[in-house]
Amino acid sequence: MTGRIVLALTSNPFYALNGARPGMRLSAVAKRLKVGKSFHIGRNYWYIAAGTAGQGVLRVRGGIIQEIGIASLQLTHGRAAQQSFLTSFSGA
């Protein structure tokens, strides 16, 4: 995966992920996005939403979506891979 973008995130409310925008409550879109169980990393909760070309990613704090984005499908296939992928960016 060298030289490839594996995660792209934005906090700009102009962009949406299947109707979910930064600033919205997660509860308003969680069912529609079919988000899985959260990953608690630092002060944030991360959710993965199944996709075909890539996985949807939501960074949530206090029930409010802070960032939305997409992640590589190859690196996020399965819960263990998702956990490893998300924690690899935390510096932990």
PDB file of N, CA and C in Angstrom:
ATOM      1  N   MET A   1       0.811  -1.198   0.000  1.00  0.00           N
ATOM      2  CA  MET A   1       0.000   0.000   0.000  1.00  0.00           C
ATOM      3  C   MET A   1       0.859   1.269   0.000  1.00  0.00           C
ATOM      4  N   THR A   2       2.161   1.128  -0.162  1.00  0.00           N
ATOM      5  CA  THR A   2       3.049   2.277  -0.180  1.00  0.00           C
ATOM      6  C   THR A   2       2.650   3.249  -1.281  1.00  0.00           C
ATOM      7  N   GLY A   3       2.576   4.515  -0.922  1.00  0.00           N
ATOM      8  CA  GLY A   3       2.248   5.543  -1.894  1.00  0.00           C
ATOM      9  C   GLY A   3       0.765   5.684  -2.178  1.00  0.00           C
ATOM     10  N   ARG A   4      -0.077   5.042  -1.397  1.00  0.00           N
ATOM     11  CA  ARG A   4      -1.526   5.113  -1.612  1.00  0.00           C
ATOM     12  C   ARG A   4      -2.207   5.763  -0.417  1.00  0.00           C
ATOM     13  N   ILE A   5      -3.288   6.454  -0.689  1.00  0.00           N
ATOM     14  CA  ILE A   5      -4.106   7.012   0.387  1.00  0.00           C
ATOM     15  C   ILE A   5      -4.959   5.878   0.932  1.00  0.00           C
ATOM     16  N   VAL A   6      -4.887   5.645   2.234  1.00  0.00           N
ATOM     17  CA  VAL A   6      -5.649   4.562   2.851  1.00  0.00           C
ATOM     18  C   VAL A   6      -6.782   5.080   3.727  1.00  0.00           C
ATOM     19  N   LEU A   7      -6.743   6.376   4.077  1.00  0.00           N
ATOM     20  CA  LEU A   7      -7.788   6.991   4.889  1.00  0.00           C
ATOM     21  C   LEU A   7      -7.889   8.457   4.516  1.00  0.00           C
ATOM     22  N   ALA A   8      -9.097   8.903   4.191  1.00  0.00           N
ATOM     23  CA  ALA A   8      -9.350  10.315   3.889  1.00  0.00           C
ATOM     24  C   ALA A   8     -10.500  10.772   4.767  1.00  0.00           C
ATOM     25  N   LEU A   9     -10.268  11.813   5.577  1.00  0.00           N
ATOM     26  CA  LEU A   9     -11.275  12.331   6.505  1.00  0.00           C
ATOM     27  C   LEU A   9     -11.490  13.821   6.270  1.00  0.00           C
ATOM     28  N   THR A  10     -12.704  14.292   6.568  1.00  0.00           N
ATOM     29  CA  THR A  10     -12.988  15.717   6.521  1.00  0.00           C
ATOM     30  C   THR A  10     -13.974  16.096   7.616  1.00  0.00           C
ATOM     31  N   SER A  11     -13.825  17.313   8.112  1.00  0.00           N
ATOM     32  CA  SER A  11     -14.782  17.854   9.077  1.00  0.00           C
ATOM     33  C   SER A  11     -15.651  18.919   8.413  1.00  0.00           C
ATOM     34  N   ASN A  12     -15.510  19.093   7.113  1.00  0.00           N
ATOM     35  CA  ASN A  12     -16.259  20.074   6.348  1.00  0.00           C
ATOM     36  C   ASN A  12     -17.696  19.579   6.145  1.00  0.00           C
ATOM     37  N   PRO A  13     -18.707  20.322   6.638  1.00  0.00           N
ATOM     38  CA  PRO A  13     -20.098  19.876   6.509  1.00  0.00           C
ATOM     39  C   PRO A  13     -20.629  19.924   5.075  1.00  0.00           C
ATOM     40  N   PHE A  14     -19.854  20.437   4.130  1.00  0.00           N
ATOM     41  CA  PHE A  14     -20.249  20.408   2.724  1.00  0.00           C
ATOM     42  C   PHE A  14     -20.306  18.973   2.209  1.00  0.00           C
ATOM     43  N   TYR A  15     -19.447  18.105   2.755  1.00  0.00           N
ATOM     44  CA  TYR A  15     -19.366  16.717   2.311  1.00  0.00           C
ATOM     45  C   TYR A  15     -20.262  15.828   3.153  1.00  0.00           C
ATOM     46  N   ALA A  16     -20.764  14.763   2.529  1.00  0.00           N
ATOM     47  CA  ALA A  16     -21.646  13.837   3.228  1.00  0.00           C
ATOM     48  C   ALA A  16     -21.277  12.407   2.879  1.00  0.00           C
ATOM     49  N   LEU A  17     -21.561  11.520   3.799  1.00  0.00           N
ATOM     50  CA  LEU A  17     -21.374  10.085   3.607  1.00  0.00           C
ATOM     51  C   LEU A  17     -22.755   9.463   3.734  1.00  0.00           C
ATOM     52  N   ASN A  18     -23.389   9.200   2.602  1.00  0.00           N
ATOM     53  CA  ASN A  18     -24.759   8.666   2.581  1.00  0.00           C
ATOM     54  C   ASN A  18     -25.698   9.482   3.468  1.00  0.00           C
ATOM     55  N   GLY A  19     -25.606  10.779   3.382  1.00  0.00           N
ATOM     56  CA  GLY A  19     -26.478  11.671   4.145  1.00  0.00           C
ATOM     57  C   GLY A  19     -25.944  12.093   5.499  1.00  0.00           C
ATOM     58  N   ALA A  20     -24.859  11.505   5.953  1.00  0.00           N
ATOM     59  CA  ALA A  20     -24.254  11.864   7.246  1.00  0.00           C
ATOM     60  C   ALA A  20     -23.227  12.959   7.028  1.00  0.00           C
ATOM     61  N   ARG A  21     -23.356  14.036   7.784  1.00  0.00           N
ATOM     62  CA  ARG A  21     -22.434  15.167   7.685  1.00  0.00           C
ATOM     63  C   ARG A  21     -21.828  15.472   9.044  1.00  0.00           C
ATOM     64  N   PRO A  22     -20.623  16.010   9.065  1.00  0.00           N
ATOM     65  CA  PRO A  22     -20.065  16.471  10.338  1.00  0.00           C
ATOM     66  C   PRO A  22     -21.016  17.478  10.990  1.00  0.00           C
ATOM     67  N   GLY A  23     -21.190  17.326  12.301  1.00  0.00           N
ATOM     68  CA  GLY A  23     -22.107  18.177  13.042  1.00  0.00           C
ATOM     69  C   GLY A  23     -23.443  17.532  13.333  1.00  0.00           C
ATOM     70  N   MET A  24     -23.765  16.445  12.621  1.00  0.00           N
ATOM     71  CA  MET A  24     -25.029  15.734  12.852  1.00  0.00           C
ATOM     72  C   MET A  24     -24.884  14.765  14.017  1.00  0.00           C
ATOM     73  N   ARG A  25     -26.012  14.427  14.620  1.00  0.00           N
ATOM     74  CA  ARG A  25     -26.017  13.392  15.652  1.00  0.00           C
ATOM     75  C   ARG A  25     -25.872  12.029  14.988  1.00  0.00           C
ATOM     76  N   LEU A  26     -25.043  11.177  15.562  1.00  0.00           N
ATOM     77  CA  LEU A  26     -24.860   9.827  15.024  1.00  0.00           C
ATOM     78  C   LEU A  26     -26.189   9.078  15.018  1.00  0.00           C
ATOM     79  N   SER A  27     -26.989   9.247  16.061  1.00  0.00           N
ATOM     80  CA  SER A  27     -28.258   8.512  16.173  1.00  0.00           C
ATOM     81  C   SER A  27     -29.194   8.799  15.001  1.00  0.00           C
ATOM     82  N   ALA A  28     -29.042   9.951  14.352  1.00  0.00           N
ATOM     83  CA  ALA A  28     -29.900  10.301  13.228  1.00  0.00           C
ATOM     84  C   ALA A  28     -29.574   9.521  11.960  1.00  0.00           C
ATOM     85  N   VAL A  29     -28.367   8.993  11.859  1.00  0.00           N
ATOM     86  CA  VAL A  29     -27.952   8.331  10.620  1.00  0.00           C
ATOM     87  C   VAL A  29     -27.393   6.917  10.829  1.00  0.00           C
ATOM     88  N   ALA A  30     -27.221   6.487  12.056  1.00  0.00           N
ATOM     89  CA  ALA A  30     -26.574   5.200  12.340  1.00  0.00           C
ATOM     90  C   ALA A  30     -27.290   4.027  11.680  1.00  0.00           C
ATOM     91  N   LYS A  31     -28.594   4.021  11.742  1.00  0.00           N
ATOM     92  CA  LYS A  31     -29.345   2.903  11.165  1.00  0.00           C
ATOM     93  C   LYS A  31     -29.216   2.874   9.643  1.00  0.00           C
ATOM     94  N   ARG A  32     -29.322   4.042   9.031  1.00  0.00           N
ATOM     95  CA  ARG A  32     -29.225   4.128   7.566  1.00  0.00           C
ATOM     96  C   ARG A  32     -27.846   3.706   7.072  1.00  0.00           C
ATOM     97  N   LEU A  33     -26.800   4.080   7.829  1.00  0.00           N
ATOM     98  CA  LEU A  33     -25.436   3.739   7.428  1.00  0.00           C
ATOM     99  C   LEU A  33     -25.046   2.315   7.803  1.00  0.00           C
ATOM    100  N   LYS A  34     -25.825   1.703   8.686  1.00  0.00           N
ATOM    101  CA  LYS A  34     -25.517   0.349   9.175  1.00  0.00           C
ATOM    102  C   LYS A  34     -24.114   0.306   9.786  1.00  0.00           C
ATOM    103  N   VAL A  35     -23.867   1.240  10.706  1.00  0.00           N
ATOM    104  CA  VAL A  35     -22.561   1.272  11.364  1.00  0.00           C
ATOM    105  C   VAL A  35     -22.441   0.093  12.320  1.00  0.00           C
ATOM    106  N   GLY A  36     -21.235  -0.395  12.442  1.00  0.00           N
ATOM    107  CA  GLY A  36     -20.957  -1.490  13.358  1.00  0.00           C
ATOM    108  C   GLY A  36     -20.706  -0.979  14.763  1.00  0.00           C
ATOM    109  N   LYS A  37     -20.258  -1.855  15.601  1.00  0.00           N
ATOM    110  CA  LYS A  37     -19.914  -1.513  16.977  1.00  0.00           C
ATOM    111  C   LYS A  37     -18.731  -0.542  16.963  1.00  0.00           C
ATOM    112  N   SER A  38     -18.748   0.392  17.892  1.00  0.00           N
ATOM    113  CA  SER A  38     -17.721   1.434  17.905  1.00  0.00           C
ATOM    114  C   SER A  38     -16.379   0.928  18.426  1.00  0.00           C
ATOM    115  N   PHE A  39     -15.346   1.690  18.075  1.00  0.00           N
ATOM    116  CA  PHE A  39     -14.001   1.516  18.608  1.00  0.00           C
ATOM    117  C   PHE A  39     -13.708   2.759  19.430  1.00  0.00           C
ATOM    118  N   HIS A  40     -13.401   2.603  20.701  1.00  0.00           N
ATOM    119  CA  HIS A  40     -13.093   3.744  21.572  1.00  0.00           C
ATOM    120  C   HIS A  40     -11.584   3.937  21.560  1.00  0.00           C
ATOM    121  N   ILE A  41     -11.141   5.006  20.932  1.00  0.00           N
ATOM    122  CA  ILE A  41      -9.715   5.308  20.809  1.00  0.00           C
ATOM    123  C   ILE A  41      -9.515   6.754  21.264  1.00  0.00           C
ATOM    124  N   GLY A  42      -8.784   6.925  22.354  1.00  0.00           N
ATOM    125  CA  GLY A  42      -8.594   8.262  22.910  1.00  0.00           C
ATOM    126  C   GLY A  42      -9.917   8.824  23.393  1.00  0.00           C
ATOM    127  N   ARG A  43     -10.231  10.049  22.999  1.00  0.00           N
ATOM    128  CA  ARG A  43     -11.479  10.692  23.400  1.00  0.00           C
ATOM    129  C   ARG A  43     -12.586  10.491  22.385  1.00  0.00           C
ATOM    130  N   ASN A  44     -12.324   9.729  21.337  1.00  0.00           N
ATOM    131  CA  ASN A  44     -13.271   9.563  20.237  1.00  0.00           C
ATOM    132  C   ASN A  44     -13.806   8.145  20.146  1.00  0.00           C
ATOM    133  N   TYR A  45     -14.950   8.047  19.521  1.00  0.00           N
ATOM    134  CA  TYR A  45     -15.520   6.763  19.140  1.00  0.00           C
ATOM    135  C   TYR A  45     -15.508   6.724  17.620  1.00  0.00           C
ATOM    136  N   TRP A  46     -14.990   5.649  17.084  1.00  0.00           N
ATOM    137  CA  TRP A  46     -14.885   5.484  15.636  1.00  0.00           C
ATOM    138  C   TRP A  46     -15.852   4.403  15.194  1.00  0.00           C
ATOM    139  N   TYR A  47     -16.518   4.652  14.086  1.00  0.00           N
ATOM    140  CA  TYR A  47     -17.477   3.710  13.524  1.00  0.00           C
ATOM    141  C   TYR A  47     -17.107   3.439  12.079  1.00  0.00           C
ATOM    142  N   ILE A  48     -17.282   2.187  11.681  1.00  0.00           N
ATOM    143  CA  ILE A  48     -17.059   1.789  10.295  1.00  0.00           C
ATOM    144  C   ILE A  48     -18.415   1.456   9.691  1.00  0.00           C
ATOM    145  N   ALA A  49     -18.689   2.012   8.524  1.00  0.00           N
ATOM    146  CA  ALA A  49     -19.922   1.734   7.792  1.00  0.00           C
ATOM    147  C   ALA A  49     -19.547   0.971   6.522  1.00  0.00           C
ATOM    148  N   ALA A  50     -20.166  -0.161   6.332  1.00  0.00           N
ATOM    149  CA  ALA A  50     -19.845  -1.014   5.188  1.00  0.00           C
ATOM    150  C   ALA A  50     -20.064  -0.277   3.875  1.00  0.00           C
ATOM    151  N   GLY A  51     -19.136  -0.481   2.963  1.00  0.00           N
ATOM    152  CA  GLY A  51     -19.231   0.116   1.634  1.00  0.00           C
ATOM    153  C   GLY A  51     -18.736  -0.875   0.600  1.00  0.00           C
ATOM    154  N   THR A  52     -18.882  -0.527  -0.656  1.00  0.00           N
ATOM    155  CA  THR A  52     -18.445  -1.439  -1.719  1.00  0.00           C
ATOM    156  C   THR A  52     -17.052  -1.091  -2.236  1.00  0.00           C
ATOM    157  N   ALA A  53     -16.804   0.184  -2.504  1.00  0.00           N
ATOM    158  CA  ALA A  53     -15.489   0.602  -2.996  1.00  0.00           C
ATOM    159  C   ALA A  53     -14.534   0.899  -1.851  1.00  0.00           C
ATOM    160  N   GLY A  54     -15.072   1.244  -0.710  1.00  0.00           N
ATOM    161  CA  GLY A  54     -14.292   1.552   0.486  1.00  0.00           C
ATOM    162  C   GLY A  54     -15.225   1.555   1.678  1.00  0.00           C
ATOM    163  N   GLN A  55     -14.671   1.574   2.860  1.00  0.00           N
ATOM    164  CA  GLN A  55     -15.480   1.595   4.069  1.00  0.00           C
ATOM    165  C   GLN A  55     -15.711   3.048   4.484  1.00  0.00           C
ATOM    166  N   GLY A  56     -16.928   3.353   4.914  1.00  0.00           N
ATOM    167  CA  GLY A  56     -17.205   4.661   5.480  1.00  0.00           C
ATOM    168  C   GLY A  56     -16.627   4.718   6.886  1.00  0.00           C
ATOM    169  N   VAL A  57     -16.096   5.863   7.272  1.00  0.00           N
ATOM    170  CA  VAL A  57     -15.500   6.039   8.600  1.00  0.00           C
ATOM    171  C   VAL A  57     -16.124   7.271   9.239  1.00  0.00           C
ATOM    172  N   LEU A  58     -16.505   7.135  10.513  1.00  0.00           N
ATOM    173  CA  LEU A  58     -17.068   8.250  11.259  1.00  0.00           C
ATOM    174  C   LEU A  58     -16.299   8.409  12.556  1.00  0.00           C
ATOM    175  N   ARG A  59     -15.860   9.642  12.834  1.00  0.00           N
ATOM    176  CA  ARG A  59     -15.241   9.948  14.126  1.00  0.00           C
ATOM    177  C   ARG A  59     -16.273  10.730  14.918  1.00  0.00           C
ATOM    178  N   VAL A  60     -16.635  10.192  16.091  1.00  0.00           N
ATOM    179  CA  VAL A  60     -17.741  10.737  16.874  1.00  0.00           C
ATOM    180  C   VAL A  60     -17.253  11.073  18.276  1.00  0.00           C
ATOM    181  N   ARG A  61     -17.719  12.209  18.783  1.00  0.00           N
ATOM    182  CA  ARG A  61     -17.445  12.590  20.170  1.00  0.00           C
ATOM    183  C   ARG A  61     -18.733  13.190  20.734  1.00  0.00           C
ATOM    184  N   GLY A  62     -19.169  12.660  21.872  1.00  0.00           N
ATOM    185  CA  GLY A  62     -20.386  13.165  22.497  1.00  0.00           C
ATOM    186  C   GLY A  62     -21.633  12.939  21.664  1.00  0.00           C
ATOM    187  N   GLY A  63     -21.628  11.895  20.851  1.00  0.00           N
ATOM    188  CA  GLY A  63     -22.782  11.585  20.013  1.00  0.00           C
ATOM    189  C   GLY A  63     -22.875  12.411  18.742  1.00  0.00           C
ATOM    190  N   ILE A  64     -21.935  13.336  18.542  1.00  0.00           N
ATOM    191  CA  ILE A  64     -21.931  14.213  17.367  1.00  0.00           C
ATOM    192  C   ILE A  64     -20.817  13.777  16.423  1.00  0.00           C
ATOM    193  N   ILE A  65     -21.144  13.656  15.149  1.00  0.00           N
ATOM    194  CA  ILE A  65     -20.146  13.285  14.149  1.00  0.00           C
ATOM    195  C   ILE A  65     -19.175  14.453  13.978  1.00  0.00           C
ATOM    196  N   GLN A  66     -17.908  14.189  14.202  1.00  0.00           N
ATOM    197  CA  GLN A  66     -16.865  15.202  14.062  1.00  0.00           C
ATOM    198  C   GLN A  66     -16.242  15.181  12.675  1.00  0.00           C
ATOM    199  N   GLU A  67     -16.013  13.971  12.148  1.00  0.00           N
ATOM    200  CA  GLU A  67     -15.408  13.814  10.826  1.00  0.00           C
ATOM    201  C   GLU A  67     -16.035  12.624  10.129  1.00  0.00           C
ATOM    202  N   ILE A  68     -16.069  12.685   8.813  1.00  0.00           N
ATOM    203  CA  ILE A  68     -16.498  11.560   7.985  1.00  0.00           C
ATOM    204  C   ILE A  68     -15.395  11.275   6.984  1.00  0.00           C
ATOM    205  N   GLY A  69     -15.397  10.073   6.458  1.00  0.00           N
ATOM    206  CA  GLY A  69     -14.399   9.770   5.448  1.00  0.00           C
ATOM    207  C   GLY A  69     -14.546   8.369   4.894  1.00  0.00           C
ATOM    208  N   ILE A  70     -13.535   7.992   4.156  1.00  0.00           N
ATOM    209  CA  ILE A  70     -13.491   6.655   3.571  1.00  0.00           C
ATOM    210  C   ILE A  70     -12.130   6.039   3.877  1.00  0.00           C
ATOM    211  N   ALA A  71     -12.135   4.713   3.961  1.00  0.00           N
ATOM    212  CA  ALA A  71     -10.908   3.974   4.239  1.00  0.00           C
ATOM    213  C   ALA A  71     -10.784   2.817   3.260  1.00  0.00           C
ATOM    214  N   SER A  72      -9.573   2.375   3.089  1.00  0.00           N
ATOM    215  CA  SER A  72      -9.272   1.261   2.200  1.00  0.00           C
ATOM    216  C   SER A  72     -10.038   0.010   2.611  1.00  0.00           C
ATOM    217  N   LEU A  73     -10.721  -0.594   1.660  1.00  0.00           N
ATOM    218  CA  LEU A  73     -11.470  -1.826   1.917  1.00  0.00           C
ATOM    219  C   LEU A  73     -10.518  -2.972   2.259  1.00  0.00           C
ATOM    220  N   GLN A  74      -9.369  -3.004   1.617  1.00  0.00           N
ATOM    221  CA  GLN A  74      -8.395  -4.074   1.848  1.00  0.00           C
ATOM    222  C   GLN A  74      -7.873  -4.083   3.276  1.00  0.00           C
ATOM    223  N   LEU A  75      -7.712  -2.911   3.865  1.00  0.00           N
ATOM    224  CA  LEU A  75      -7.123  -2.811   5.204  1.00  0.00           C
ATOM    225  C   LEU A  75      -8.151  -2.845   6.326  1.00  0.00           C
ATOM    226  N   THR A  76      -9.444  -2.853   5.983  1.00  0.00           N
ATOM    227  CA  THR A  76     -10.492  -2.802   7.000  1.00  0.00           C
ATOM    228  C   THR A  76     -11.485  -3.947   6.860  1.00  0.00           C
ATOM    229  N   HIS A  77     -11.032  -5.054   6.364  1.00  0.00           N
ATOM    230  CA  HIS A  77     -11.905  -6.218   6.183  1.00  0.00           C
ATOM    231  C   HIS A  77     -11.896  -7.049   7.465  1.00  0.00           C
ATOM    232  N   GLY A  78     -12.968  -6.964   8.226  1.00  0.00           N
ATOM    233  CA  GLY A  78     -13.067  -7.701   9.486  1.00  0.00           C
ATOM    234  C   GLY A  78     -12.779  -6.805  10.686  1.00  0.00           C
ATOM    235  N   ARG A  79     -13.381  -7.130  11.808  1.00  0.00           N
ATOM    236  CA  ARG A  79     -13.273  -6.290  13.009  1.00  0.00           C
ATOM    237  C   ARG A  79     -11.836  -6.163  13.508  1.00  0.00           C
ATOM    238  N   ALA A  80     -11.084  -7.242  13.527  1.00  0.00           N
ATOM    239  CA  ALA A  80      -9.700  -7.183  14.008  1.00  0.00           C
ATOM    240  C   ALA A  80      -8.858  -6.271  13.120  1.00  0.00           C
ATOM    241  N   ALA A  81      -9.060  -6.347  11.819  1.00  0.00           N
ATOM    242  CA  ALA A  81      -8.325  -5.495  10.888  1.00  0.00           C
ATOM    243  C   ALA A  81      -8.730  -4.029  11.066  1.00  0.00           C
ATOM    244  N   GLN A  82     -10.005  -3.783  11.325  1.00  0.00           N
ATOM    245  CA  GLN A  82     -10.475  -2.419  11.553  1.00  0.00           C
ATOM    246  C   GLN A  82      -9.833  -1.826  12.802  1.00  0.00           C
ATOM    247  N   GLN A  83      -9.791  -2.618  13.875  1.00  0.00           N
ATOM    248  CA  GLN A  83      -9.168  -2.155  15.132  1.00  0.00           C
ATOM    249  C   GLN A  83      -7.698  -1.823  14.903  1.00  0.00           C
ATOM    250  N   SER A  84      -6.997  -2.718  14.249  1.00  0.00           N
ATOM    251  CA  SER A  84      -5.581  -2.508  13.968  1.00  0.00           C
ATOM    252  C   SER A  84      -5.372  -1.268  13.092  1.00  0.00           C
ATOM    253  N   PHE A  85      -6.202  -1.120  12.087  1.00  0.00           N
ATOM    254  CA  PHE A  85      -6.111   0.018  11.166  1.00  0.00           C
ATOM    255  C   PHE A  85      -6.317   1.337  11.908  1.00  0.00           C
ATOM    256  N   LEU A  86      -7.383   1.447  12.681  1.00  0.00           N
ATOM    257  CA  LEU A  86      -7.698   2.697  13.379  1.00  0.00           C
ATOM    258  C   LEU A  86      -6.670   3.043  14.451  1.00  0.00           C
ATOM    259  N   THR A  87      -6.180   2.066  15.179  1.00  0.00           N
ATOM    260  CA  THR A  87      -5.209   2.362  16.231  1.00  0.00           C
ATOM    261  C   THR A  87      -3.819   2.664  15.667  1.00  0.00           C
ATOM    262  N   SER A  88      -3.575   2.302  14.428  1.00  0.00           N
ATOM    263  CA  SER A  88      -2.260   2.578  13.835  1.00  0.00           C
ATOM    264  C   SER A  88      -2.018   4.074  13.651  1.00  0.00           C
ATOM    265  N   PHE A  89      -3.066   4.892  13.663  1.00  0.00           N
ATOM    266  CA  PHE A  89      -2.937   6.331  13.475  1.00  0.00           C
ATOM    267  C   PHE A  89      -2.845   7.091  14.793  1.00  0.00           C
ATOM    268  N   SER A  90      -3.116   6.419  15.905  1.00  0.00           N
ATOM    269  CA  SER A  90      -3.212   7.115  17.201  1.00  0.00           C
ATOM    270  C   SER A  90      -1.854   7.396  17.833  1.00  0.00           C
ATOM    271  N   GLY A  91      -0.807   6.757  17.382  1.00  0.00           N
ATOM    272  CA  GLY A  91       0.506   6.927  17.994  1.00  0.00           C
ATOM    273  C   GLY A  91       0.647   6.153  19.287  1.00  0.00           C
ATOM    274  N   ALA A  92      -0.308   5.262  19.542  1.00  0.00           N
ATOM    275  CA  ALA A  92      -0.285   4.464  20.776  1.00  0.00           C
ATOM    276  C   ALA A  92       0.589   3.227  20.604  1.00  0.00           C
TER     277      ALA A  92
END
